[in-house]
């Protein structure tokens, strides 16, 4: 073995699988290296994350204009010439902006690939993003297609997974792609709930309730939309200048994902507890944490208020999904105004601005903007006045209802598993959670700050059997090893997987519980890859959770 001294652009400590520090950077020395752009000869490796080059330029704090390239990036650029470039998780190495120009990361990565003597791309799902393909084309036979970057991206968008597979096969044939695939061959079980069972009937009842509330929201949105365009027409305002921006139907799929997870709380927790009692270590895979719902929840959802009156950390909140429906109802009070700006060179550009007219400040700002753009006063004031009684009536119906679906399904799953006597952590980006407090046979749900531990520490504790179970989303689905492997703490390996979590020094079988499937097959494969990796002693197993209404059952 040769010990390599690395220059780490993100300045983090390098640790082994057991958390021992292998290398700790010298911050002051590294800063001098970047400033001089001269790397001492004892450094043989430069390592960076993509985030370190996503903002490669200095920014003027006053004008926000782009300045010179940062010293770190200049140093990387200088030493890339004739070097060997290795891009791990290369599906994150590029990307395009909405205006179809290269992202900052792509701009730098393209230049590094062109400067390097050789580039190695590493990824389990290298082709999952069409806007990454031009980067691969720099060093592979893909460039022989002779397509522009824009046309190449368009081709892969239209070709989808079929074109990705065909291209992969050709790259393998040319010797430019090595496919080292770990077969996901473990047993898969499918957990369905009989619709005639108590759980199944309960799920159907909850679905009907939430569907009824969403219909009320959509009906009100239609009324709001009609009143809006009636006012536009009556005041002679051009439709291209002032537009209705409160459409809630675009939230339908997000809402579907939210309440489907809420339906599966009991099923998911019961399956995890069953696995734990059998000596397996479950990893619960979800698609959405629903944390965004916390940030939008208000105490009254009142119109013409001075602020939004959000629930704050430490306050009790009703743990019912009806609050999200109330948020969507209030969301309908939005107006978009297109302002045309004439630049110094006489060119024209349109600047869209959205106004929330559910607050007094929003109404005043919107009135002023409409008057400036179309010469009509009190537009928002009159619209809110016309619709407020109807809004109050629908809001009352929503707030007096009960859906039976939790506002935070993750915390309900965690609570059930912990009550059964097991430990569970999560690898997500959530910063808030619902704490469940039981007082005198009464349950309170308190909004709390969630201490986000370092991912590497959580994974290490899981692999060392200090944590029994995990919940992960996309944040925990790339590059992490959670498979059945031995380490300094867990050393014993048996021919047959253990049937108990005790003793703790044995390697345990892993089980992936898929509660929310990803629509993107590449993301789903990334998740499944956490428990199927080289070096595993036991092949991981998988359980797919379906609800009584079979709303997520695959089409056969």
Protein backbone atom coordinates (compact mmCIF):
# COMPACT_ATOMS: atom_id res chain seq x y z
CA UNK A 1 0.00 0.00 0.00
CA UNK A 2 1.15 3.55 -0.75
CA UNK A 3 -0.01 6.30 1.61
CA UNK A 4 -1.23 9.27 -0.42
CA UNK A 5 -1.36 12.78 1.00
CA UNK A 6 -4.48 14.51 -0.36
CA UNK A 7 -5.33 18.18 -0.84
CA UNK A 8 -8.98 18.36 0.23
CA UNK A 9 -10.80 21.36 -1.25
CA UNK A 10 -13.71 21.02 1.19
CA UNK A 11 -11.37 20.79 4.19
CA UNK A 12 -12.96 17.73 5.82
CA UNK A 13 -11.28 14.97 7.80
CA UNK A 14 -10.78 11.61 6.08
CA UNK A 15 -12.09 8.71 8.18
CA UNK A 16 -12.18 4.95 7.76
CA UNK A 17 -15.31 2.81 8.04
CA UNK A 18 -15.00 2.74 11.84
CA UNK A 19 -14.66 6.52 12.20
CA UNK A 20 -10.90 6.61 12.79
CA UNK A 21 -9.23 9.73 11.37
CA UNK A 22 -6.83 8.83 8.56
CA UNK A 23 -5.98 12.37 7.51
CA UNK A 24 -6.75 15.82 8.89
CA UNK A 25 -6.07 18.84 6.66
CA UNK A 26 -4.07 21.86 7.81
CA UNK A 27 -6.39 24.78 7.07
CA UNK A 28 -3.75 27.54 7.21
CA UNK A 29 -1.34 25.61 5.02
CA UNK A 30 -4.06 24.79 2.51
CA UNK A 31 -5.12 28.45 2.29
CA UNK A 32 -1.53 29.37 1.40
CA UNK A 33 -1.55 26.69 -1.31
CA UNK A 34 -4.69 28.13 -2.89
CA UNK A 35 -3.38 31.67 -2.67
CA UNK A 36 -0.08 30.79 -4.37
CA UNK A 37 -1.66 28.14 -6.60
CA UNK A 38 1.42 26.00 -5.99
CA UNK A 39 0.99 22.52 -4.52
CA UNK A 40 3.98 21.01 -2.63
CA UNK A 41 5.44 17.87 -4.15
CA UNK A 42 4.36 15.62 -1.25
CA UNK A 43 0.70 16.03 -2.28
CA UNK A 44 -0.24 13.42 -4.90
CA UNK A 45 -4.03 13.75 -4.96
CA UNK A 46 -6.55 16.60 -5.14
CA UNK A 47 -10.06 15.72 -3.91
CA UNK A 48 -13.17 17.88 -4.07
CA UNK A 49 -16.95 17.65 -3.97
CA UNK A 50 -19.10 18.98 -6.79
CA UNK A 51 -20.53 21.58 -4.41
CA UNK A 52 -17.07 23.16 -4.08
CA UNK A 53 -17.13 24.11 -7.76
CA UNK A 54 -20.84 24.90 -8.07
CA UNK A 55 -20.03 28.54 -7.15
CA UNK A 56 -16.62 28.97 -8.78
CA UNK A 57 -16.56 32.77 -8.92
CA UNK A 58 -16.31 35.51 -6.33
CA UNK A 59 -19.44 37.69 -6.14
CA UNK A 60 -19.52 41.45 -5.52
CA UNK A 61 -21.69 41.89 -2.40
CA UNK A 62 -23.05 45.25 -3.57
CA UNK A 63 -23.72 44.67 -7.26
CA UNK A 64 -24.05 40.85 -7.14
CA UNK A 65 -21.95 40.79 -10.32
CA UNK A 66 -19.63 37.87 -11.01
CA UNK A 67 -16.01 38.55 -10.16
CA UNK A 68 -12.79 36.56 -10.51
CA UNK A 69 -12.55 32.80 -10.25
CA UNK A 70 -11.94 31.57 -6.69
CA UNK A 71 -8.37 30.56 -5.78
CA UNK A 72 -9.45 26.98 -5.00
CA UNK A 73 -10.90 26.51 -8.48
CA UNK A 74 -7.90 28.18 -10.14
CA UNK A 75 -5.63 25.69 -8.33
CA UNK A 76 -7.77 22.75 -9.42
CA UNK A 77 -7.80 24.01 -12.98
CA UNK A 78 -4.02 24.52 -13.06
CA UNK A 79 -3.20 20.99 -11.91
CA UNK A 80 -5.86 19.27 -14.04
CA UNK A 81 -3.66 19.53 -17.13
CA UNK A 82 -2.37 16.07 -18.09
CA UNK A 83 -3.68 14.61 -14.81
CA UNK A 84 -5.93 11.57 -14.34
CA UNK A 85 -9.44 12.80 -13.53
CA UNK A 86 -11.78 10.47 -11.60
CA UNK A 87 -15.43 11.56 -11.33
CA UNK A 88 -17.34 9.55 -8.74
CA UNK A 89 -21.15 9.77 -8.83
CA UNK A 90 -20.59 11.31 -12.25
CA UNK A 91 -24.34 11.74 -12.81
CA UNK A 92 -23.96 14.84 -10.58
CA UNK A 93 -21.00 16.25 -12.54
CA UNK A 94 -22.90 18.37 -15.03
CA UNK A 95 -26.33 19.90 -15.59
CA UNK A 96 -27.98 22.79 -17.39
CA UNK A 97 -29.63 26.00 -16.25
CA UNK A 98 -33.29 26.73 -17.14
CA UNK A 99 -32.08 28.92 -20.02
CA UNK A 100 -30.30 25.83 -21.44
CA UNK A 101 -26.81 27.14 -20.74
CA UNK A 102 -24.31 25.10 -18.74
CA UNK A 103 -24.52 25.21 -14.98
CA UNK A 104 -21.47 26.50 -13.07
CA UNK A 105 -20.55 22.91 -12.18
CA UNK A 106 -20.84 21.82 -15.82
CA UNK A 107 -18.78 24.78 -17.02
CA UNK A 108 -15.87 23.84 -14.76
CA UNK A 109 -16.19 20.07 -15.29
CA UNK A 110 -16.16 20.43 -19.08
CA UNK A 111 -12.88 22.36 -18.90
CA UNK A 112 -11.33 19.86 -16.44
CA UNK A 113 -12.22 16.88 -18.67
CA UNK A 114 -10.73 18.64 -21.69
CA UNK A 115 -7.51 19.47 -19.78
CA UNK A 116 -7.00 16.02 -18.26
CA UNK A 117 -4.96 13.23 -19.81
CA UNK A 118 -7.65 10.68 -18.98
CA UNK A 119 -11.08 10.75 -17.34
CA UNK A 120 -12.79 7.91 -15.49
CA UNK A 121 -16.52 8.24 -14.86
CA UNK A 122 -17.96 6.22 -11.96
CA UNK A 123 -21.70 5.90 -11.40
CA UNK A 124 -24.31 3.21 -10.80
CA UNK A 125 -26.77 5.34 -12.81
CA UNK A 126 -24.48 7.37 -15.06
CA UNK A 127 -27.10 8.16 -17.72
CA UNK A 128 -30.02 9.09 -15.50
CA UNK A 129 -29.81 12.77 -16.47
CA UNK A 130 -29.96 13.73 -20.12
CA UNK A 131 -28.10 17.01 -19.49
CA UNK A 132 -25.05 15.00 -18.36
CA UNK A 133 -24.54 13.25 -21.69
CA UNK A 134 -22.54 16.05 -23.40
CA UNK A 135 -19.94 15.68 -20.61
CA UNK A 136 -19.50 11.97 -21.38
CA UNK A 137 -19.33 12.79 -25.08
CA UNK A 138 -16.04 14.64 -24.52
CA UNK A 139 -14.21 11.37 -23.76
CA UNK A 140 -16.29 8.62 -25.37
CA UNK A 141 -17.67 7.48 -28.71
CA UNK A 142 -20.89 9.42 -27.98
CA UNK A 143 -19.20 12.41 -29.60
CA UNK A 144 -19.26 10.56 -32.95
CA UNK A 145 -23.01 11.20 -33.11
CA UNK A 146 -22.06 14.69 -34.26
CA UNK A 147 -24.91 16.33 -32.32
CA UNK A 148 -24.81 19.69 -30.64
CA UNK A 149 -25.08 19.70 -26.85
CA UNK A 150 -28.71 20.83 -27.03
CA UNK A 151 -29.66 18.18 -29.60
CA UNK A 152 -27.82 15.47 -27.65
CA UNK A 153 -29.75 16.34 -24.50
CA UNK A 154 -33.00 16.38 -26.50
CA UNK A 155 -32.24 12.95 -27.95
CA UNK A 156 -31.71 11.38 -24.52
CA UNK A 157 -34.80 13.06 -23.11
CA UNK A 158 -36.92 11.58 -25.90
CA UNK A 159 -35.12 8.23 -25.92
CA UNK A 160 -35.53 7.70 -22.19
CA UNK A 161 -34.36 4.50 -20.50
CA UNK A 162 -34.34 2.56 -23.79
CA UNK A 163 -31.74 4.88 -25.36
CA UNK A 164 -29.71 4.87 -22.13
CA UNK A 165 -29.55 1.07 -22.25
CA UNK A 166 -28.66 1.00 -25.95
CA UNK A 167 -25.91 3.59 -25.49
CA UNK A 168 -24.54 1.71 -22.47
CA UNK A 169 -24.33 -1.50 -24.49
CA UNK A 170 -22.42 0.24 -27.30
CA UNK A 171 -19.97 1.86 -24.88
CA UNK A 172 -19.31 -1.58 -23.35
CA UNK A 173 -18.72 -3.01 -26.83
CA UNK A 174 -16.19 -0.23 -27.51
CA UNK A 175 -14.38 -0.93 -24.26
CA UNK A 176 -15.27 2.52 -22.89
CA UNK A 177 -17.67 1.34 -20.19
CA UNK A 178 -17.11 -1.38 -17.60
CA UNK A 179 -20.34 -2.72 -16.17
CA UNK A 180 -19.76 -4.11 -12.69
CA UNK A 181 -23.30 -4.78 -11.57
CA UNK A 182 -24.41 -6.21 -8.24
CA UNK A 183 -27.48 -8.31 -8.87
CA UNK A 184 -30.42 -7.38 -6.67
CA UNK A 185 -31.29 -11.05 -6.20
CA UNK A 186 -32.63 -11.06 -2.64
CA UNK A 187 -36.16 -12.17 -1.89
CA UNK A 188 -38.90 -9.58 -2.50
CA UNK A 189 -42.22 -9.76 -0.68
CA UNK A 190 -45.31 -7.68 -1.42
CA UNK A 191 -47.45 -6.58 1.50
CA UNK A 192 -51.03 -5.81 0.48
CA UNK A 193 -53.94 -4.97 2.72
CA UNK A 194 -57.25 -6.66 2.04
CA UNK A 195 -59.74 -3.90 1.24
CA UNK A 196 -62.40 -5.75 3.22
CA UNK A 197 -60.24 -5.83 6.37
CA UNK A 198 -60.55 -3.23 9.12
CA UNK A 199 -57.27 -1.60 8.02
CA UNK A 200 -58.34 -1.64 4.38
CA UNK A 201 -61.74 -0.10 5.12
CA UNK A 202 -60.06 2.48 7.35
CA UNK A 203 -57.69 3.46 4.54
CA UNK A 204 -60.52 3.81 2.05
CA UNK A 205 -62.44 6.01 4.49
CA UNK A 206 -59.40 8.27 4.92
CA UNK A 207 -58.90 8.48 1.14
CA UNK A 208 -62.52 9.50 0.70
CA UNK A 209 -62.19 12.23 3.33
CA UNK A 210 -59.05 13.75 1.86
CA UNK A 211 -60.49 13.54 -1.67
CA UNK A 212 -63.60 15.40 -0.47
CA UNK A 213 -61.49 18.19 1.03
CA UNK A 214 -59.33 18.50 -2.06
CA UNK A 215 -62.48 18.78 -4.18
CA UNK A 216 -63.65 21.68 -1.99
CA UNK A 217 -60.31 23.40 -2.57
CA UNK A 218 -60.44 22.85 -6.33
CA UNK A 219 -64.05 24.04 -6.54
CA UNK A 220 -63.11 27.23 -4.70
CA UNK A 221 -60.11 27.69 -6.99
CA UNK A 222 -62.47 27.54 -9.99
CA UNK A 223 -64.70 30.19 -8.41
CA UNK A 224 -61.66 32.35 -7.65
CA UNK A 225 -60.38 31.94 -11.19
CA UNK A 226 -63.79 32.94 -12.62
CA UNK A 227 -64.02 36.03 -10.37
CA UNK A 228 -60.46 37.01 -11.29
CA UNK A 229 -60.98 36.96 -15.06
CA UNK A 230 -64.37 38.62 -14.71
CA UNK A 231 -62.56 41.49 -12.97
CA UNK A 232 -59.86 41.51 -15.66
CA UNK A 233 -62.44 41.76 -18.40
CA UNK A 234 -64.56 44.34 -16.55
CA UNK A 235 -61.57 46.63 -16.02
CA UNK A 236 -60.23 46.21 -19.55
CA UNK A 237 -56.91 44.73 -18.37
CA UNK A 238 -54.86 42.66 -20.81
CA UNK A 239 -54.66 38.97 -19.84
CA UNK A 240 -50.95 38.88 -20.71
CA UNK A 241 -50.16 41.52 -18.09
CA UNK A 242 -52.14 40.39 -15.03
CA UNK A 243 -52.63 36.63 -14.53
CA UNK A 244 -54.26 34.32 -11.99
CA UNK A 245 -51.48 32.40 -10.16
CA UNK A 246 -53.45 30.49 -7.52
CA UNK A 247 -54.02 27.20 -9.33
CA UNK A 248 -53.99 24.33 -6.84
CA UNK A 249 -54.46 21.44 -9.26
CA UNK A 250 -50.70 21.43 -9.87
CA UNK A 251 -50.33 20.22 -6.27
CA UNK A 252 -52.44 17.13 -6.96
CA UNK A 253 -49.52 14.74 -7.44
CA UNK A 254 -47.63 16.15 -4.44
CA UNK A 255 -50.78 15.77 -2.37
CA UNK A 256 -51.17 12.19 -3.61
CA UNK A 257 -47.62 11.35 -2.49
CA UNK A 258 -48.21 12.97 0.89
CA UNK A 259 -51.38 11.17 1.84
CA UNK A 260 -50.27 7.80 0.40
CA UNK A 261 -47.36 7.90 2.86
CA UNK A 262 -49.79 8.85 5.62
CA UNK A 263 -51.98 5.84 4.79
CA UNK A 264 -49.08 3.42 5.24
CA UNK A 265 -47.87 4.42 8.70
CA UNK A 266 -49.21 1.35 10.51
CA UNK A 267 -48.28 -1.10 7.74
CA UNK A 268 -44.74 0.24 7.49
CA UNK A 269 -44.10 0.30 11.23
CA UNK A 270 -45.61 -3.18 11.71
CA UNK A 271 -43.44 -4.61 8.94
CA UNK A 272 -40.30 -3.01 10.41
CA UNK A 273 -41.12 -4.34 13.90
CA UNK A 274 -41.70 -7.83 12.43
CA UNK A 275 -38.29 -7.70 10.71
CA UNK A 276 -36.58 -6.50 13.89
CA UNK A 277 -38.10 -9.32 15.93
CA UNK A 278 -36.72 -11.74 13.29
CA UNK A 279 -33.21 -10.33 13.73
CA UNK A 280 -33.22 -8.28 10.50
CA UNK A 281 -32.20 -4.62 10.28
CA UNK A 282 -34.79 -2.68 8.26
CA UNK A 283 -34.17 0.41 6.14
CA UNK A 284 -37.43 2.20 5.35
CA UNK A 285 -37.30 3.98 1.99
CA UNK A 286 -39.57 6.97 1.38
CA UNK A 287 -39.80 9.60 -1.35
CA UNK A 288 -40.93 12.70 0.54
CA UNK A 289 -40.42 13.76 4.16
CA UNK A 290 -43.30 16.30 4.05
CA UNK A 291 -41.20 18.74 6.07
CA UNK A 292 -42.26 21.53 3.72
CA UNK A 293 -45.78 21.19 5.15
CA UNK A 294 -44.55 22.34 8.58
CA UNK A 295 -43.21 25.59 7.16
CA UNK A 296 -46.57 26.49 5.62
CA UNK A 297 -48.91 25.66 8.48
CA UNK A 298 -50.75 28.66 9.98
CA UNK A 299 -52.91 28.89 13.09
CA UNK A 300 -55.93 30.55 11.48
CA UNK A 301 -55.30 30.90 7.71
CA UNK A 302 -57.16 34.23 8.02
CA UNK A 303 -57.42 36.70 5.14
CA UNK A 304 -56.41 40.38 5.45
CA UNK A 305 -53.93 39.58 8.22
CA UNK A 306 -50.72 41.46 8.92
CA UNK A 307 -48.65 38.26 8.93
CA UNK A 308 -49.02 34.53 8.30
CA UNK A 309 -49.15 33.51 11.97
CA UNK A 310 -47.11 30.35 11.38
CA UNK A 311 -46.76 27.65 14.01
CA UNK A 312 -43.40 28.02 15.71
CA UNK A 313 -40.97 25.58 17.28
CA UNK A 314 -42.24 24.48 20.70
CA UNK A 315 -45.93 24.99 19.87
CA UNK A 316 -48.56 22.26 19.72
CA UNK A 317 -50.13 21.69 16.30
CA UNK A 318 -53.08 19.53 15.16
CA UNK A 319 -51.54 16.43 13.60
CA UNK A 320 -54.05 16.25 10.75
CA UNK A 321 -53.56 16.60 7.03
CA UNK A 322 -56.53 18.98 6.82
CA UNK A 323 -54.09 21.81 7.62
CA UNK A 324 -52.38 21.26 4.28
CA UNK A 325 -55.74 21.51 2.52
CA UNK A 326 -56.34 24.81 4.35
CA UNK A 327 -52.96 26.01 3.11
CA UNK A 328 -53.92 25.12 -0.49
CA UNK A 329 -57.22 26.98 -0.10
CA UNK A 330 -55.39 30.14 0.93
CA UNK A 331 -52.85 29.60 -1.87
CA UNK A 332 -55.57 30.51 -4.39
CA UNK A 333 -55.12 34.20 -3.47
CA UNK A 334 -52.18 34.77 -5.79
CA UNK A 335 -51.75 37.17 -8.70
CA UNK A 336 -48.88 37.30 -11.21
CA UNK A 337 -47.98 40.52 -12.99
CA UNK A 338 -45.71 40.60 -16.04
CA UNK A 339 -43.68 43.82 -16.07
CA UNK A 340 -41.83 44.75 -19.27
CA UNK A 341 -38.36 46.25 -18.63
CA UNK A 342 -36.52 48.21 -21.33
CA UNK A 343 -32.74 47.89 -20.95
CA UNK A 344 -30.13 50.53 -21.81
CA UNK A 345 -29.52 48.83 -25.17
CA UNK A 346 -33.27 49.10 -25.96
CA UNK A 347 -33.74 45.35 -25.55
CA UNK A 348 -36.87 44.31 -23.68
CA UNK A 349 -37.32 41.60 -21.07
CA UNK A 350 -40.31 40.47 -19.05
CA UNK A 351 -40.05 40.33 -15.28
CA UNK A 352 -42.79 38.22 -13.64
CA UNK A 353 -43.75 38.93 -10.03
CA UNK A 354 -46.23 36.94 -7.92
CA UNK A 355 -48.23 38.66 -5.17
CA UNK A 356 -49.86 36.86 -2.25
CA UNK A 357 -53.03 38.88 -1.75
CA UNK A 358 -54.13 36.97 1.36
CA UNK A 359 -52.30 39.54 3.52
CA UNK A 360 -52.79 43.31 3.77
CA UNK A 361 -49.23 43.97 2.63
CA UNK A 362 -49.72 41.69 -0.38
CA UNK A 363 -52.97 43.45 -1.33
CA UNK A 364 -51.32 46.89 -1.16
CA UNK A 365 -48.33 45.77 -3.23
CA UNK A 366 -50.54 44.08 -5.84
CA UNK A 367 -52.88 47.10 -6.09
CA UNK A 368 -49.88 49.37 -6.72
CA UNK A 369 -48.39 47.00 -9.31
CA UNK A 370 -51.67 46.58 -11.23
CA UNK A 371 -52.22 50.34 -11.22
CA UNK A 372 -48.70 50.87 -12.54
CA UNK A 373 -48.95 48.16 -15.21
CA UNK A 374 -52.60 48.58 -16.31
CA UNK A 375 -53.83 51.87 -14.83
CA UNK A 376 -56.51 50.20 -12.67
CA UNK A 377 -56.70 50.88 -8.92
CA UNK A 378 -57.82 48.64 -6.01
CA UNK A 379 -57.82 45.50 -8.17
CA UNK A 380 -56.67 43.11 -5.41
CA UNK A 381 -58.71 44.91 -2.73
CA UNK A 382 -61.96 44.43 -4.65
CA UNK A 383 -61.17 40.80 -5.55
CA UNK A 384 -60.47 39.81 -1.93
CA UNK A 385 -63.56 41.63 -0.73
CA UNK A 386 -65.71 39.76 -3.25
CA UNK A 387 -64.36 36.30 -2.37
CA UNK A 388 -63.70 36.50 1.38
CA UNK A 389 -67.11 35.30 2.61
CA UNK A 390 -67.02 32.25 0.36
CA UNK A 391 -63.41 31.58 1.47
CA UNK A 392 -64.38 31.72 5.15
CA UNK A 393 -67.21 29.25 4.58
CA UNK A 394 -64.98 26.68 2.82
CA UNK A 395 -62.17 27.18 5.36
CA UNK A 396 -64.65 26.50 8.19
CA UNK A 397 -65.69 23.21 6.55
CA UNK A 398 -62.05 22.14 6.21
CA UNK A 399 -61.00 23.08 9.75
CA UNK A 400 -64.02 21.36 11.31
CA UNK A 401 -63.26 18.11 9.48
CA UNK A 402 -60.93 15.25 10.43
CA UNK A 403 -59.00 13.27 7.81
CA UNK A 404 -57.28 10.77 10.10
CA UNK A 405 -54.07 11.26 8.08
CA UNK A 406 -51.03 12.56 10.00
CA UNK A 407 -49.25 15.76 9.07
CA UNK A 408 -45.92 14.03 9.70
CA UNK A 409 -46.05 10.30 8.82
CA UNK A 410 -42.31 9.80 9.47
CA UNK A 411 -42.66 10.76 13.11
CA UNK A 412 -45.64 8.44 13.52
CA UNK A 413 -43.60 5.54 12.07
CA UNK A 414 -40.67 6.37 14.35
CA UNK A 415 -42.95 6.58 17.39
CA UNK A 416 -44.47 3.14 16.75
CA UNK A 417 -41.07 1.50 16.30
CA UNK A 418 -39.60 3.16 19.41
CA UNK A 419 -42.66 2.16 21.46
CA UNK A 420 -41.95 -1.45 20.45
CA UNK A 421 -38.54 -1.10 22.10
CA UNK A 422 -36.28 -0.56 19.08
CA UNK A 423 -34.03 2.35 18.06
CA UNK A 424 -34.39 4.15 14.74
CA UNK A 425 -32.67 7.10 13.04
CA UNK A 426 -33.22 8.82 9.72
CA UNK A 427 -31.01 10.05 6.90
CA UNK A 428 -32.99 12.91 5.41
CA UNK A 429 -32.60 16.68 5.28
CA UNK A 430 -35.42 17.30 7.79
CA UNK A 431 -34.72 20.06 10.30
CA UNK A 432 -38.13 19.97 12.01
CA UNK A 433 -40.19 17.13 13.42
CA UNK A 434 -43.28 16.44 15.50
CA UNK A 435 -42.53 15.35 19.06
CA UNK A 436 -45.28 13.26 20.62
CA UNK A 437 -46.00 14.17 24.24
CA UNK A 438 -48.47 12.13 26.30
CA UNK A 439 -50.00 13.87 29.34
CA UNK A 440 -52.91 12.52 31.39
CA UNK A 441 -54.06 10.21 28.59
CA UNK A 442 -53.98 13.17 26.19
CA UNK A 443 -51.55 13.31 23.27
CA UNK A 444 -49.92 16.55 22.11
CA UNK A 445 -47.92 17.03 18.93
CA UNK A 446 -45.18 19.62 19.40
CA UNK A 447 -43.15 21.14 16.55
CA UNK A 448 -39.50 20.56 17.47
CA UNK A 449 -36.11 21.19 15.96
CA UNK A 450 -34.50 17.99 14.74
CA UNK A 451 -30.82 17.50 15.46
CA UNK A 452 -29.38 16.43 12.09
CA UNK A 453 -26.44 14.11 12.74
CA UNK A 454 -23.67 13.60 10.24
CA UNK A 455 -24.69 10.94 7.74
CA UNK A 456 -21.41 9.06 8.14
CA UNK A 457 -21.97 8.81 11.92
CA UNK A 458 -25.53 7.50 11.51
CA UNK A 459 -24.45 4.89 8.95
CA UNK A 460 -21.53 3.81 11.15
CA UNK A 461 -23.81 3.37 14.19
CA UNK A 462 -26.26 1.37 12.07
CA UNK A 463 -23.52 -0.90 10.72
CA UNK A 464 -22.11 -1.34 14.25
CA UNK A 465 -25.58 -2.40 15.53
CA UNK A 466 -25.89 0.66 17.80
CA UNK A 467 -29.01 1.65 15.78
CA UNK A 468 -31.62 -0.97 14.87
CA UNK A 469 -33.41 0.67 11.90
CA UNK A 470 -33.16 3.59 9.48
CA UNK A 471 -35.49 5.78 7.43
CA UNK A 472 -33.93 7.18 4.25
CA UNK A 473 -35.01 9.29 1.30
CA UNK A 474 -33.04 10.40 -1.75
CA UNK A 475 -30.51 12.11 0.55
CA UNK A 476 -29.57 8.66 1.82
CA UNK A 477 -29.69 6.86 -1.50
CA UNK A 478 -26.33 7.63 -3.07
CA UNK A 479 -22.92 6.27 -2.20
CA UNK A 480 -23.76 4.96 1.29
CA UNK A 481 -22.97 1.43 2.43
CA UNK A 482 -25.61 -0.13 4.68
CA UNK A 483 -25.13 -3.74 3.63
CA UNK A 484 -24.39 -6.75 5.85
CA UNK A 485 -20.66 -6.35 6.36
CA UNK A 486 -18.31 -6.90 9.30
CA UNK A 487 -16.26 -4.13 10.94
CA UNK A 488 -14.14 -3.48 14.06
CA UNK A 489 -17.21 -3.72 16.33
CA UNK A 490 -19.34 -6.30 14.51
CA UNK A 491 -17.04 -9.22 13.79
CA UNK A 492 -19.04 -12.47 13.98
CA UNK A 493 -20.38 -13.90 10.73
CA UNK A 494 -22.50 -17.07 10.57
CA UNK A 495 -23.36 -19.21 7.57
CA UNK A 496 -27.06 -18.52 8.20
CA UNK A 497 -28.32 -15.01 9.08
CA UNK A 498 -29.05 -14.55 12.82
CA UNK A 499 -32.70 -14.59 13.95
CA UNK A 500 -32.25 -12.09 16.77
CA UNK A 501 -30.70 -8.63 17.18
CA UNK A 502 -28.74 -10.04 20.13
CA UNK A 503 -25.83 -10.43 20.52
CA UNK A 504 -24.78 -7.12 18.98
CA UNK A 505 -21.40 -8.27 17.68
CA UNK A 506 -23.00 -10.36 14.89
CA UNK A 507 -23.57 -9.22 11.32
CA UNK A 508 -27.33 -9.00 10.70
CA UNK A 509 -29.40 -9.42 7.53
CA UNK A 510 -30.63 -6.14 5.93
CA UNK A 511 -34.20 -5.56 4.76
CA UNK A 512 -35.30 -2.67 2.55
CA UNK A 513 -38.92 -1.65 3.19
CA UNK A 514 -40.13 0.39 0.21
CA UNK A 515 -43.01 2.54 1.45
CA UNK A 516 -42.81 5.19 -1.29
CA UNK A 517 -41.40 4.18 -4.66
CA UNK A 518 -39.54 6.69 -6.78
CA UNK A 519 -40.99 7.52 -10.20
CA UNK A 520 -37.44 7.62 -11.58
CA UNK A 521 -36.15 4.04 -11.83
CA UNK A 522 -32.56 5.30 -11.49
CA UNK A 523 -33.33 6.74 -8.05
CA UNK A 524 -35.08 3.54 -7.03
CA UNK A 525 -32.05 1.46 -8.08
CA UNK A 526 -29.81 3.79 -6.06
CA UNK A 527 -31.92 3.12 -2.96
CA UNK A 528 -31.91 -0.65 -3.44
CA UNK A 529 -28.15 -0.51 -3.89
CA UNK A 530 -27.67 0.52 -0.26
CA UNK A 531 -28.20 -3.07 0.94
CA UNK A 532 -26.74 -4.88 -2.09
CA UNK A 533 -23.01 -4.15 -2.30
CA UNK A 534 -19.69 -5.87 -2.76
CA UNK A 535 -18.44 -7.61 0.39
CA UNK A 536 -21.85 -8.37 1.90
CA UNK A 537 -22.18 -11.57 3.92
CA UNK A 538 -25.95 -11.90 3.43
CA UNK A 539 -28.00 -10.85 0.39
CA UNK A 540 -30.46 -8.13 1.40
CA UNK A 541 -34.20 -8.72 1.12
CA UNK A 542 -36.93 -6.25 0.12
CA UNK A 543 -40.57 -5.66 1.07
CA UNK A 544 -42.88 -3.41 -0.98
CA UNK A 545 -45.75 -1.86 1.00
CA UNK A 546 -49.10 -1.33 -0.74
CA UNK A 547 -52.29 0.15 0.67
CA UNK A 548 -55.80 -1.28 0.76
CA UNK A 549 -57.00 0.88 -2.12
CA UNK A 550 -54.04 -0.42 -4.19
CA UNK A 551 -53.38 3.12 -5.42
CA UNK A 552 -49.66 2.38 -5.70
CA UNK A 553 -49.92 -1.18 -6.97
CA UNK A 554 -47.91 -1.62 -10.21
CA UNK A 555 -49.90 -2.00 -13.39
CA UNK A 556 -49.88 -5.63 -14.50
